[in-house]
Amino acid sequence: MLEADNPEAFEARQSRVVLPGDARTAVKDPVIVQAGGVWHLWASTHPLTDPDQTDRMATEYASSTDGLDWTWHGTALSPQPGQWDARGARVSAVRLDDGEIVAYYDGRATSAENYEERTGLATGTEPTALTANRSAGVAESPHGGGLRYLSVVDLGNGRERWY
């Protein structure tokens, strides 16, 4: 984590690790939403104990009062054996709407699909219990490649921009 008034003022020497992994688990790709005085975080976690399995991923949920010190609450979304997201489920965008959580996530069925994930949809009312629509991915690139790391920006007046 770096803090500054603008990007030109970032000082690498003042960085702070706020999502440390450990020898068993990597923590990556955080999605952070601030609402109601609470910082909500969904991050992908990857097992590191078996070098042949490090591409596997699930999404864990944490909360914070200041965005610096996080309390982990458990797995929010897991891959499902035999489904299109069997190898991984990584939340990439979250919308909070009147008590409902709408999360877009990317996933893959096999390690060969790494870097070519499809985007799926998961919903819930609790940040640690998202339920995926597992029938199929909701989005794929029309150019034959994957679609991952979806971001949704609220432009106001009911308009959104999707990246």
N, C-alpha and C. Protein backbone atom coordinates (compact mmCIF):
# COMPACT_ATOMS: atom_id res chain seq x y z
N MET A 1 0.85 -1.16 0.00
CA MET A 1 0.00 0.00 0.00
C MET A 1 0.89 1.22 0.00
N LEU A 2 0.52 2.17 -0.84
CA LEU A 2 1.19 3.46 -0.89
C LEU A 2 0.13 4.55 -0.77
N GLU A 3 0.47 5.62 -0.08
CA GLU A 3 -0.44 6.75 0.03
C GLU A 3 0.28 8.00 -0.47
N ALA A 4 -0.44 8.84 -1.22
CA ALA A 4 0.11 10.10 -1.71
C ALA A 4 -1.04 10.93 -2.26
N ASP A 5 -0.82 12.21 -2.39
CA ASP A 5 -1.82 13.10 -2.96
C ASP A 5 -2.00 12.87 -4.46
N ASN A 6 -0.95 12.37 -5.11
CA ASN A 6 -1.02 12.06 -6.54
C ASN A 6 0.07 11.02 -6.84
N PRO A 7 -0.05 10.30 -7.95
CA PRO A 7 0.91 9.23 -8.25
C PRO A 7 2.37 9.67 -8.31
N GLU A 8 2.62 10.91 -8.73
CA GLU A 8 4.00 11.38 -8.81
C GLU A 8 4.65 11.46 -7.42
N ALA A 9 3.83 11.51 -6.37
CA ALA A 9 4.34 11.64 -5.01
C ALA A 9 4.53 10.29 -4.31
N PHE A 10 4.26 9.17 -4.99
CA PHE A 10 4.47 7.87 -4.38
C PHE A 10 5.93 7.70 -3.99
N GLU A 11 6.17 7.18 -2.82
CA GLU A 11 7.52 6.88 -2.34
C GLU A 11 7.60 5.39 -2.04
N ALA A 12 8.30 4.64 -2.85
CA ALA A 12 8.39 3.19 -2.67
C ALA A 12 8.92 2.82 -1.29
N ARG A 13 9.80 3.63 -0.74
CA ARG A 13 10.36 3.33 0.59
C ARG A 13 9.30 3.43 1.69
N GLN A 14 8.17 4.07 1.40
CA GLN A 14 7.11 4.20 2.39
C GLN A 14 5.97 3.22 2.16
N SER A 15 6.20 2.22 1.32
CA SER A 15 5.17 1.22 1.06
C SER A 15 4.96 0.34 2.30
N ARG A 16 3.78 -0.23 2.37
CA ARG A 16 3.42 -1.09 3.50
C ARG A 16 2.70 -2.31 2.96
N VAL A 17 3.12 -3.48 3.37
CA VAL A 17 2.44 -4.72 2.97
C VAL A 17 1.20 -4.85 3.85
N VAL A 18 0.04 -4.91 3.22
CA VAL A 18 -1.21 -5.05 3.98
C VAL A 18 -1.89 -6.40 3.72
N LEU A 19 -1.44 -7.11 2.70
CA LEU A 19 -2.01 -8.42 2.39
C LEU A 19 -0.89 -9.45 2.26
N PRO A 20 -0.23 -9.75 3.36
CA PRO A 20 0.88 -10.70 3.27
C PRO A 20 0.37 -12.11 3.03
N GLY A 21 1.01 -12.79 2.16
CA GLY A 21 0.77 -14.21 2.03
C GLY A 21 1.67 -14.92 3.02
N ASP A 22 1.86 -16.19 2.81
CA ASP A 22 2.80 -16.94 3.63
C ASP A 22 3.37 -18.07 2.78
N ALA A 23 4.12 -18.95 3.36
CA ALA A 23 4.78 -20.01 2.59
C ALA A 23 3.77 -20.97 1.96
N ARG A 24 2.55 -20.99 2.47
CA ARG A 24 1.54 -21.92 1.96
C ARG A 24 0.54 -21.29 1.00
N THR A 25 0.36 -19.95 1.09
CA THR A 25 -0.71 -19.30 0.33
C THR A 25 -0.28 -17.94 -0.20
N ALA A 26 -0.52 -17.70 -1.49
CA ALA A 26 -0.31 -16.37 -2.07
C ALA A 26 -1.63 -15.62 -2.05
N VAL A 27 -1.56 -14.32 -1.80
CA VAL A 27 -2.73 -13.46 -1.80
C VAL A 27 -2.54 -12.45 -2.92
N LYS A 28 -3.54 -12.37 -3.84
CA LYS A 28 -3.40 -11.53 -5.04
C LYS A 28 -4.72 -10.86 -5.40
N ASP A 29 -4.62 -9.90 -6.30
CA ASP A 29 -5.75 -9.35 -7.04
C ASP A 29 -6.89 -8.84 -6.16
N PRO A 30 -6.60 -7.95 -5.21
CA PRO A 30 -7.68 -7.50 -4.32
C PRO A 30 -8.71 -6.63 -5.04
N VAL A 31 -9.95 -6.80 -4.63
CA VAL A 31 -11.06 -5.93 -5.04
C VAL A 31 -11.56 -5.30 -3.75
N ILE A 32 -11.54 -3.97 -3.69
CA ILE A 32 -11.89 -3.27 -2.45
C ILE A 32 -13.07 -2.36 -2.71
N VAL A 33 -14.07 -2.46 -1.84
CA VAL A 33 -15.26 -1.61 -1.90
C VAL A 33 -15.47 -1.02 -0.52
N GLN A 34 -15.66 0.27 -0.46
CA GLN A 34 -15.91 0.95 0.81
C GLN A 34 -17.40 1.29 0.87
N ALA A 35 -18.07 0.86 1.93
CA ALA A 35 -19.51 1.12 2.07
C ALA A 35 -19.89 1.10 3.54
N GLY A 36 -20.67 2.07 3.95
CA GLY A 36 -21.19 2.10 5.32
C GLY A 36 -20.11 2.14 6.38
N GLY A 37 -18.98 2.78 6.10
CA GLY A 37 -17.90 2.87 7.07
C GLY A 37 -17.05 1.61 7.18
N VAL A 38 -17.29 0.65 6.31
CA VAL A 38 -16.53 -0.60 6.32
C VAL A 38 -15.81 -0.75 4.98
N TRP A 39 -14.56 -1.17 5.06
CA TRP A 39 -13.80 -1.53 3.87
C TRP A 39 -14.00 -3.03 3.65
N HIS A 40 -14.47 -3.41 2.47
CA HIS A 40 -14.69 -4.82 2.10
C HIS A 40 -13.62 -5.20 1.08
N LEU A 41 -13.05 -6.38 1.25
CA LEU A 41 -11.99 -6.83 0.35
C LEU A 41 -12.23 -8.28 -0.04
N TRP A 42 -12.16 -8.54 -1.32
CA TRP A 42 -12.16 -9.91 -1.84
C TRP A 42 -10.83 -10.09 -2.55
N ALA A 43 -10.09 -11.12 -2.22
CA ALA A 43 -8.78 -11.36 -2.84
C ALA A 43 -8.67 -12.83 -3.24
N SER A 44 -7.99 -13.07 -4.34
CA SER A 44 -7.76 -14.46 -4.73
C SER A 44 -6.61 -15.02 -3.91
N THR A 45 -6.74 -16.28 -3.58
CA THR A 45 -5.69 -16.98 -2.86
C THR A 45 -5.28 -18.21 -3.67
N HIS A 46 -3.98 -18.46 -3.66
CA HIS A 46 -3.41 -19.56 -4.44
C HIS A 46 -2.57 -20.44 -3.52
N PRO A 47 -2.79 -21.76 -3.56
CA PRO A 47 -1.96 -22.65 -2.75
C PRO A 47 -0.55 -22.73 -3.33
N LEU A 48 0.44 -22.73 -2.46
CA LEU A 48 1.84 -22.76 -2.92
C LEU A 48 2.56 -24.05 -2.56
N THR A 49 1.93 -24.94 -1.82
CA THR A 49 2.62 -26.13 -1.32
C THR A 49 2.95 -27.15 -2.42
N ASP A 50 2.19 -27.16 -3.52
CA ASP A 50 2.46 -28.07 -4.63
C ASP A 50 2.71 -27.22 -5.87
N PRO A 51 3.93 -27.23 -6.40
CA PRO A 51 4.26 -26.39 -7.56
C PRO A 51 3.36 -26.63 -8.77
N ASP A 52 2.78 -27.82 -8.89
CA ASP A 52 1.90 -28.12 -10.02
C ASP A 52 0.47 -27.62 -9.81
N GLN A 53 0.18 -27.06 -8.65
CA GLN A 53 -1.17 -26.62 -8.33
C GLN A 53 -1.29 -25.12 -8.06
N THR A 54 -0.22 -24.36 -8.25
CA THR A 54 -0.23 -22.95 -7.85
C THR A 54 -1.16 -22.08 -8.69
N ASP A 55 -1.65 -22.60 -9.82
CA ASP A 55 -2.60 -21.82 -10.61
C ASP A 55 -4.03 -21.94 -10.09
N ARG A 56 -4.24 -22.84 -9.13
CA ARG A 56 -5.58 -22.96 -8.53
C ARG A 56 -5.86 -21.70 -7.72
N MET A 57 -7.15 -21.32 -7.65
CA MET A 57 -7.47 -20.12 -6.88
C MET A 57 -8.90 -20.16 -6.37
N ALA A 58 -9.08 -19.53 -5.21
CA ALA A 58 -10.39 -19.29 -4.62
C ALA A 58 -10.39 -17.82 -4.20
N THR A 59 -11.53 -17.33 -3.76
CA THR A 59 -11.62 -15.94 -3.31
C THR A 59 -11.97 -15.90 -1.83
N GLU A 60 -11.14 -15.20 -1.06
CA GLU A 60 -11.35 -15.01 0.38
C GLU A 60 -11.86 -13.59 0.62
N TYR A 61 -12.59 -13.41 1.73
CA TYR A 61 -13.14 -12.11 2.09
C TYR A 61 -12.51 -11.59 3.38
N ALA A 62 -12.23 -10.30 3.42
CA ALA A 62 -11.72 -9.64 4.62
C ALA A 62 -12.41 -8.28 4.77
N SER A 63 -12.40 -7.75 5.99
CA SER A 63 -12.97 -6.43 6.22
C SER A 63 -11.99 -5.61 7.06
N SER A 64 -12.21 -4.29 7.04
CA SER A 64 -11.32 -3.38 7.76
C SER A 64 -12.08 -2.10 8.09
N THR A 65 -11.64 -1.43 9.13
CA THR A 65 -12.21 -0.12 9.45
C THR A 65 -11.40 1.01 8.83
N ASP A 66 -10.16 0.70 8.41
CA ASP A 66 -9.29 1.76 7.89
C ASP A 66 -8.63 1.43 6.54
N GLY A 67 -8.86 0.24 5.99
CA GLY A 67 -8.24 -0.14 4.73
C GLY A 67 -6.78 -0.52 4.85
N LEU A 68 -6.29 -0.63 6.08
CA LEU A 68 -4.89 -0.98 6.31
C LEU A 68 -4.73 -2.29 7.06
N ASP A 69 -5.50 -2.45 8.12
CA ASP A 69 -5.46 -3.67 8.92
C ASP A 69 -6.72 -4.47 8.63
N TRP A 70 -6.53 -5.67 8.14
CA TRP A 70 -7.64 -6.49 7.64
C TRP A 70 -7.91 -7.68 8.54
N THR A 71 -9.18 -8.02 8.69
CA THR A 71 -9.60 -9.23 9.39
C THR A 71 -10.19 -10.18 8.35
N TRP A 72 -9.59 -11.36 8.25
CA TRP A 72 -10.05 -12.36 7.29
C TRP A 72 -11.24 -13.11 7.87
N HIS A 73 -12.26 -13.35 7.02
CA HIS A 73 -13.50 -13.99 7.47
C HIS A 73 -13.76 -15.34 6.81
N GLY A 74 -13.00 -15.69 5.80
CA GLY A 74 -13.19 -17.00 5.19
C GLY A 74 -13.38 -16.92 3.69
N THR A 75 -13.67 -18.08 3.11
CA THR A 75 -13.82 -18.20 1.67
C THR A 75 -15.18 -17.68 1.23
N ALA A 76 -15.15 -16.77 0.26
CA ALA A 76 -16.38 -16.20 -0.30
C ALA A 76 -16.85 -16.97 -1.52
N LEU A 77 -15.90 -17.48 -2.31
CA LEU A 77 -16.24 -18.17 -3.56
C LEU A 77 -15.17 -19.20 -3.87
N SER A 78 -15.60 -20.42 -4.10
CA SER A 78 -14.68 -21.52 -4.38
C SER A 78 -14.95 -22.11 -5.75
N PRO A 79 -13.92 -22.69 -6.37
CA PRO A 79 -14.14 -23.42 -7.62
C PRO A 79 -14.98 -24.68 -7.34
N GLN A 80 -15.67 -25.14 -8.37
CA GLN A 80 -16.51 -26.33 -8.24
C GLN A 80 -16.05 -27.42 -9.19
N PRO A 81 -15.70 -28.59 -8.66
CA PRO A 81 -15.26 -29.69 -9.52
C PRO A 81 -16.28 -30.00 -10.62
N GLY A 82 -15.75 -30.23 -11.82
CA GLY A 82 -16.60 -30.60 -12.94
C GLY A 82 -17.30 -29.44 -13.63
N GLN A 83 -17.10 -28.23 -13.16
CA GLN A 83 -17.75 -27.06 -13.76
C GLN A 83 -16.75 -26.24 -14.58
N TRP A 84 -17.22 -25.23 -15.28
CA TRP A 84 -16.36 -24.37 -16.11
C TRP A 84 -15.35 -23.62 -15.27
N ASP A 85 -15.58 -23.51 -13.96
CA ASP A 85 -14.67 -22.80 -13.06
C ASP A 85 -13.99 -23.75 -12.07
N ALA A 86 -13.78 -25.00 -12.49
CA ALA A 86 -13.25 -26.02 -11.59
C ALA A 86 -11.84 -25.74 -11.10
N ARG A 87 -11.05 -25.02 -11.85
CA ARG A 87 -9.65 -24.78 -11.48
C ARG A 87 -9.48 -23.48 -10.69
N GLY A 88 -10.46 -22.58 -10.80
CA GLY A 88 -10.31 -21.34 -10.07
C GLY A 88 -11.52 -20.44 -10.15
N ALA A 89 -11.69 -19.62 -9.10
CA ALA A 89 -12.78 -18.64 -9.03
C ALA A 89 -12.22 -17.39 -8.35
N ARG A 90 -11.93 -16.35 -9.16
CA ARG A 90 -11.32 -15.12 -8.66
C ARG A 90 -12.27 -13.95 -8.87
N VAL A 91 -12.78 -13.37 -7.78
CA VAL A 91 -13.65 -12.20 -7.88
C VAL A 91 -12.82 -11.04 -8.44
N SER A 92 -13.40 -10.33 -9.44
CA SER A 92 -12.68 -9.22 -10.06
C SER A 92 -13.43 -7.90 -9.99
N ALA A 93 -14.72 -7.93 -9.73
CA ALA A 93 -15.50 -6.70 -9.59
C ALA A 93 -16.69 -6.98 -8.68
N VAL A 94 -17.02 -6.03 -7.81
CA VAL A 94 -18.13 -6.19 -6.87
C VAL A 94 -19.00 -4.95 -6.89
N ARG A 95 -20.30 -5.17 -6.92
CA ARG A 95 -21.28 -4.10 -6.81
C ARG A 95 -22.13 -4.39 -5.57
N LEU A 96 -22.33 -3.40 -4.73
CA LEU A 96 -23.22 -3.52 -3.57
C LEU A 96 -24.49 -2.76 -3.92
N ASP A 97 -25.63 -3.44 -3.87
CA ASP A 97 -26.89 -2.83 -4.29
C ASP A 97 -28.01 -3.21 -3.34
N ASP A 98 -28.37 -2.29 -2.44
CA ASP A 98 -29.48 -2.49 -1.49
C ASP A 98 -29.39 -3.83 -0.75
N GLY A 99 -28.25 -4.11 -0.18
CA GLY A 99 -28.07 -5.32 0.61
C GLY A 99 -27.69 -6.55 -0.19
N GLU A 100 -27.70 -6.47 -1.50
CA GLU A 100 -27.29 -7.60 -2.32
C GLU A 100 -25.89 -7.34 -2.87
N ILE A 101 -25.10 -8.38 -2.88
CA ILE A 101 -23.75 -8.32 -3.43
C ILE A 101 -23.80 -8.99 -4.80
N VAL A 102 -23.34 -8.28 -5.80
CA VAL A 102 -23.21 -8.83 -7.15
C VAL A 102 -21.73 -8.82 -7.48
N ALA A 103 -21.18 -10.00 -7.68
CA ALA A 103 -19.75 -10.12 -7.94
C ALA A 103 -19.54 -10.78 -9.30
N TYR A 104 -18.63 -10.21 -10.06
CA TYR A 104 -18.18 -10.84 -11.30
C TYR A 104 -16.86 -11.51 -10.98
N TYR A 105 -16.68 -12.68 -11.52
CA TYR A 105 -15.44 -13.41 -11.23
C TYR A 105 -14.97 -14.12 -12.48
N ASP A 106 -13.67 -14.35 -12.54
CA ASP A 106 -13.16 -15.13 -13.65
C ASP A 106 -12.74 -16.49 -13.15
N GLY A 107 -12.87 -17.46 -14.04
CA GLY A 107 -12.56 -18.83 -13.68
C GLY A 107 -12.13 -19.63 -14.89
N ARG A 108 -11.67 -20.82 -14.60
CA ARG A 108 -11.21 -21.72 -15.66
C ARG A 108 -11.42 -23.16 -15.20
N ALA A 109 -11.59 -24.03 -16.17
CA ALA A 109 -11.83 -25.44 -15.88
C ALA A 109 -10.54 -26.23 -15.70
N THR A 110 -9.49 -25.82 -16.41
CA THR A 110 -8.24 -26.58 -16.39
C THR A 110 -7.05 -25.63 -16.29
N SER A 111 -5.90 -26.18 -15.97
CA SER A 111 -4.70 -25.35 -15.93
C SER A 111 -4.33 -24.85 -17.32
N ALA A 112 -4.69 -25.58 -18.37
CA ALA A 112 -4.41 -25.15 -19.74
C ALA A 112 -5.16 -23.86 -20.09
N GLU A 113 -6.24 -23.56 -19.39
CA GLU A 113 -7.00 -22.34 -19.64
C GLU A 113 -6.46 -21.14 -18.87
N ASN A 114 -5.36 -21.32 -18.15
CA ASN A 114 -4.77 -20.19 -17.43
C ASN A 114 -4.50 -19.07 -18.44
N TYR A 115 -4.84 -17.86 -18.09
CA TYR A 115 -4.76 -16.67 -18.93
C TYR A 115 -5.89 -16.57 -19.94
N GLU A 116 -6.78 -17.53 -19.99
CA GLU A 116 -7.92 -17.50 -20.92
C GLU A 116 -9.22 -17.74 -20.16
N GLU A 117 -9.34 -17.17 -18.98
CA GLU A 117 -10.52 -17.36 -18.15
C GLU A 117 -11.76 -16.73 -18.78
N ARG A 118 -12.91 -17.23 -18.35
CA ARG A 118 -14.20 -16.64 -18.68
C ARG A 118 -14.72 -15.92 -17.45
N THR A 119 -15.64 -15.01 -17.65
CA THR A 119 -16.19 -14.25 -16.53
C THR A 119 -17.55 -14.82 -16.15
N GLY A 120 -17.75 -15.00 -14.85
CA GLY A 120 -19.01 -15.51 -14.31
C GLY A 120 -19.63 -14.52 -13.36
N LEU A 121 -20.80 -14.85 -12.85
CA LEU A 121 -21.56 -13.99 -11.96
C LEU A 121 -21.88 -14.76 -10.67
N ALA A 122 -21.68 -14.09 -9.54
CA ALA A 122 -22.03 -14.67 -8.25
C ALA A 122 -22.78 -13.61 -7.45
N THR A 123 -23.73 -14.03 -6.64
CA THR A 123 -24.51 -13.09 -5.85
C THR A 123 -24.64 -13.61 -4.42
N GLY A 124 -25.08 -12.72 -3.53
CA GLY A 124 -25.31 -13.10 -2.15
C GLY A 124 -25.68 -11.90 -1.32
N THR A 125 -25.99 -12.15 -0.07
CA THR A 125 -26.28 -11.07 0.88
C THR A 125 -25.20 -10.98 1.94
N GLU A 126 -24.35 -11.98 2.01
CA GLU A 126 -23.22 -12.01 2.94
C GLU A 126 -21.93 -12.06 2.13
N PRO A 127 -20.95 -11.22 2.46
CA PRO A 127 -19.72 -11.18 1.66
C PRO A 127 -18.89 -12.46 1.70
N THR A 128 -19.13 -13.33 2.68
CA THR A 128 -18.39 -14.58 2.75
C THR A 128 -19.16 -15.76 2.16
N ALA A 129 -20.31 -15.49 1.57
CA ALA A 129 -21.13 -16.58 1.05
C ALA A 129 -21.74 -16.19 -0.28
N LEU A 130 -20.91 -16.12 -1.31
CA LEU A 130 -21.40 -15.80 -2.63
C LEU A 130 -21.78 -17.09 -3.35
N THR A 131 -22.88 -17.05 -4.07
CA THR A 131 -23.35 -18.20 -4.81
C THR A 131 -23.19 -17.92 -6.30
N ALA A 132 -22.43 -18.76 -6.95
CA ALA A 132 -22.15 -18.56 -8.37
C ALA A 132 -23.24 -19.15 -9.24
N ASN A 133 -23.52 -18.47 -10.34
CA ASN A 133 -24.33 -19.03 -11.40
C ASN A 133 -23.38 -19.90 -12.21
N ARG A 134 -23.40 -21.18 -11.97
CA ARG A 134 -22.38 -22.07 -12.53
C ARG A 134 -22.77 -22.68 -13.87
N SER A 135 -23.93 -22.32 -14.41
CA SER A 135 -24.34 -22.97 -15.66
C SER A 135 -23.40 -22.64 -16.81
N ALA A 136 -22.83 -21.45 -16.81
CA ALA A 136 -21.87 -21.07 -17.85
C ALA A 136 -21.30 -19.72 -17.48
N GLY A 137 -20.19 -19.36 -18.09
CA GLY A 137 -19.66 -18.03 -17.90
C GLY A 137 -20.62 -17.01 -18.50
N VAL A 138 -20.67 -15.82 -17.93
CA VAL A 138 -21.58 -14.79 -18.46
C VAL A 138 -20.92 -13.96 -19.54
N ALA A 139 -19.61 -14.07 -19.69
CA ALA A 139 -18.94 -13.27 -20.71
C ALA A 139 -17.65 -13.95 -21.15
N GLU A 140 -17.41 -13.90 -22.45
CA GLU A 140 -16.16 -14.35 -23.03
C GLU A 140 -15.78 -13.35 -24.11
N SER A 141 -14.53 -13.26 -24.43
CA SER A 141 -14.09 -12.36 -25.50
C SER A 141 -14.66 -12.85 -26.83
N PRO A 142 -15.19 -11.94 -27.66
CA PRO A 142 -15.66 -12.35 -28.98
C PRO A 142 -14.52 -12.68 -29.94
N HIS A 143 -13.30 -12.45 -29.52
CA HIS A 143 -12.14 -12.68 -30.37
C HIS A 143 -11.44 -14.00 -30.08
N GLY A 144 -12.09 -14.88 -29.32
CA GLY A 144 -11.56 -16.20 -29.08
C GLY A 144 -10.65 -16.32 -27.89
N GLY A 145 -10.33 -15.24 -27.23
CA GLY A 145 -9.48 -15.29 -26.05
C GLY A 145 -10.31 -15.17 -24.79
N GLY A 146 -9.65 -15.17 -23.68
CA GLY A 146 -10.34 -15.08 -22.41
C GLY A 146 -10.80 -13.68 -22.09
N LEU A 147 -11.61 -13.59 -21.06
CA LEU A 147 -12.05 -12.31 -20.51
C LEU A 147 -11.86 -12.40 -19.01
N ARG A 148 -10.91 -11.62 -18.49
CA ARG A 148 -10.60 -11.70 -17.07
C ARG A 148 -10.35 -10.31 -16.53
N TYR A 149 -10.36 -10.21 -15.19
CA TYR A 149 -10.15 -8.93 -14.50
C TYR A 149 -11.16 -7.87 -14.94
N LEU A 150 -12.41 -8.23 -14.99
CA LEU A 150 -13.47 -7.29 -15.32
C LEU A 150 -13.53 -6.18 -14.27
N SER A 151 -13.73 -4.95 -14.70
CA SER A 151 -13.96 -3.82 -13.80
C SER A 151 -15.20 -3.08 -14.27
N VAL A 152 -16.02 -2.64 -13.31
CA VAL A 152 -17.23 -1.89 -13.62
C VAL A 152 -17.12 -0.54 -12.92
N VAL A 153 -17.27 0.54 -13.69
CA VAL A 153 -17.18 1.89 -13.16
C VAL A 153 -18.56 2.54 -13.25
N ASP A 154 -19.06 3.04 -12.12
CA ASP A 154 -20.34 3.73 -12.08
C ASP A 154 -20.15 5.15 -12.59
N LEU A 155 -20.82 5.49 -13.69
CA LEU A 155 -20.71 6.82 -14.27
C LEU A 155 -21.81 7.76 -13.78
N GLY A 156 -22.73 7.24 -12.97
CA GLY A 156 -23.86 8.04 -12.49
C GLY A 156 -25.04 7.95 -13.44
N ASN A 157 -26.19 8.37 -12.95
CA ASN A 157 -27.42 8.36 -13.76
C ASN A 157 -27.73 6.99 -14.35
N GLY A 158 -27.39 5.93 -13.61
CA GLY A 158 -27.68 4.56 -14.06
C GLY A 158 -26.78 4.06 -15.17
N ARG A 159 -25.73 4.77 -15.48
CA ARG A 159 -24.80 4.35 -16.54
C ARG A 159 -23.55 3.73 -15.93
N GLU A 160 -22.99 2.77 -16.63
CA GLU A 160 -21.77 2.09 -16.21
C GLU A 160 -20.84 1.96 -17.39
N ARG A 161 -19.57 1.86 -17.09
CA ARG A 161 -18.57 1.54 -18.11
C ARG A 161 -17.87 0.26 -17.65
N TRP A 162 -17.78 -0.73 -18.53
CA TRP A 162 -17.18 -2.01 -18.21
C TRP A 162 -15.84 -2.12 -18.92
N TYR A 163 -14.83 -2.55 -18.18
CA TYR A 163 -13.51 -2.78 -18.74
C TYR A 163 -13.13 -4.23 -18.53
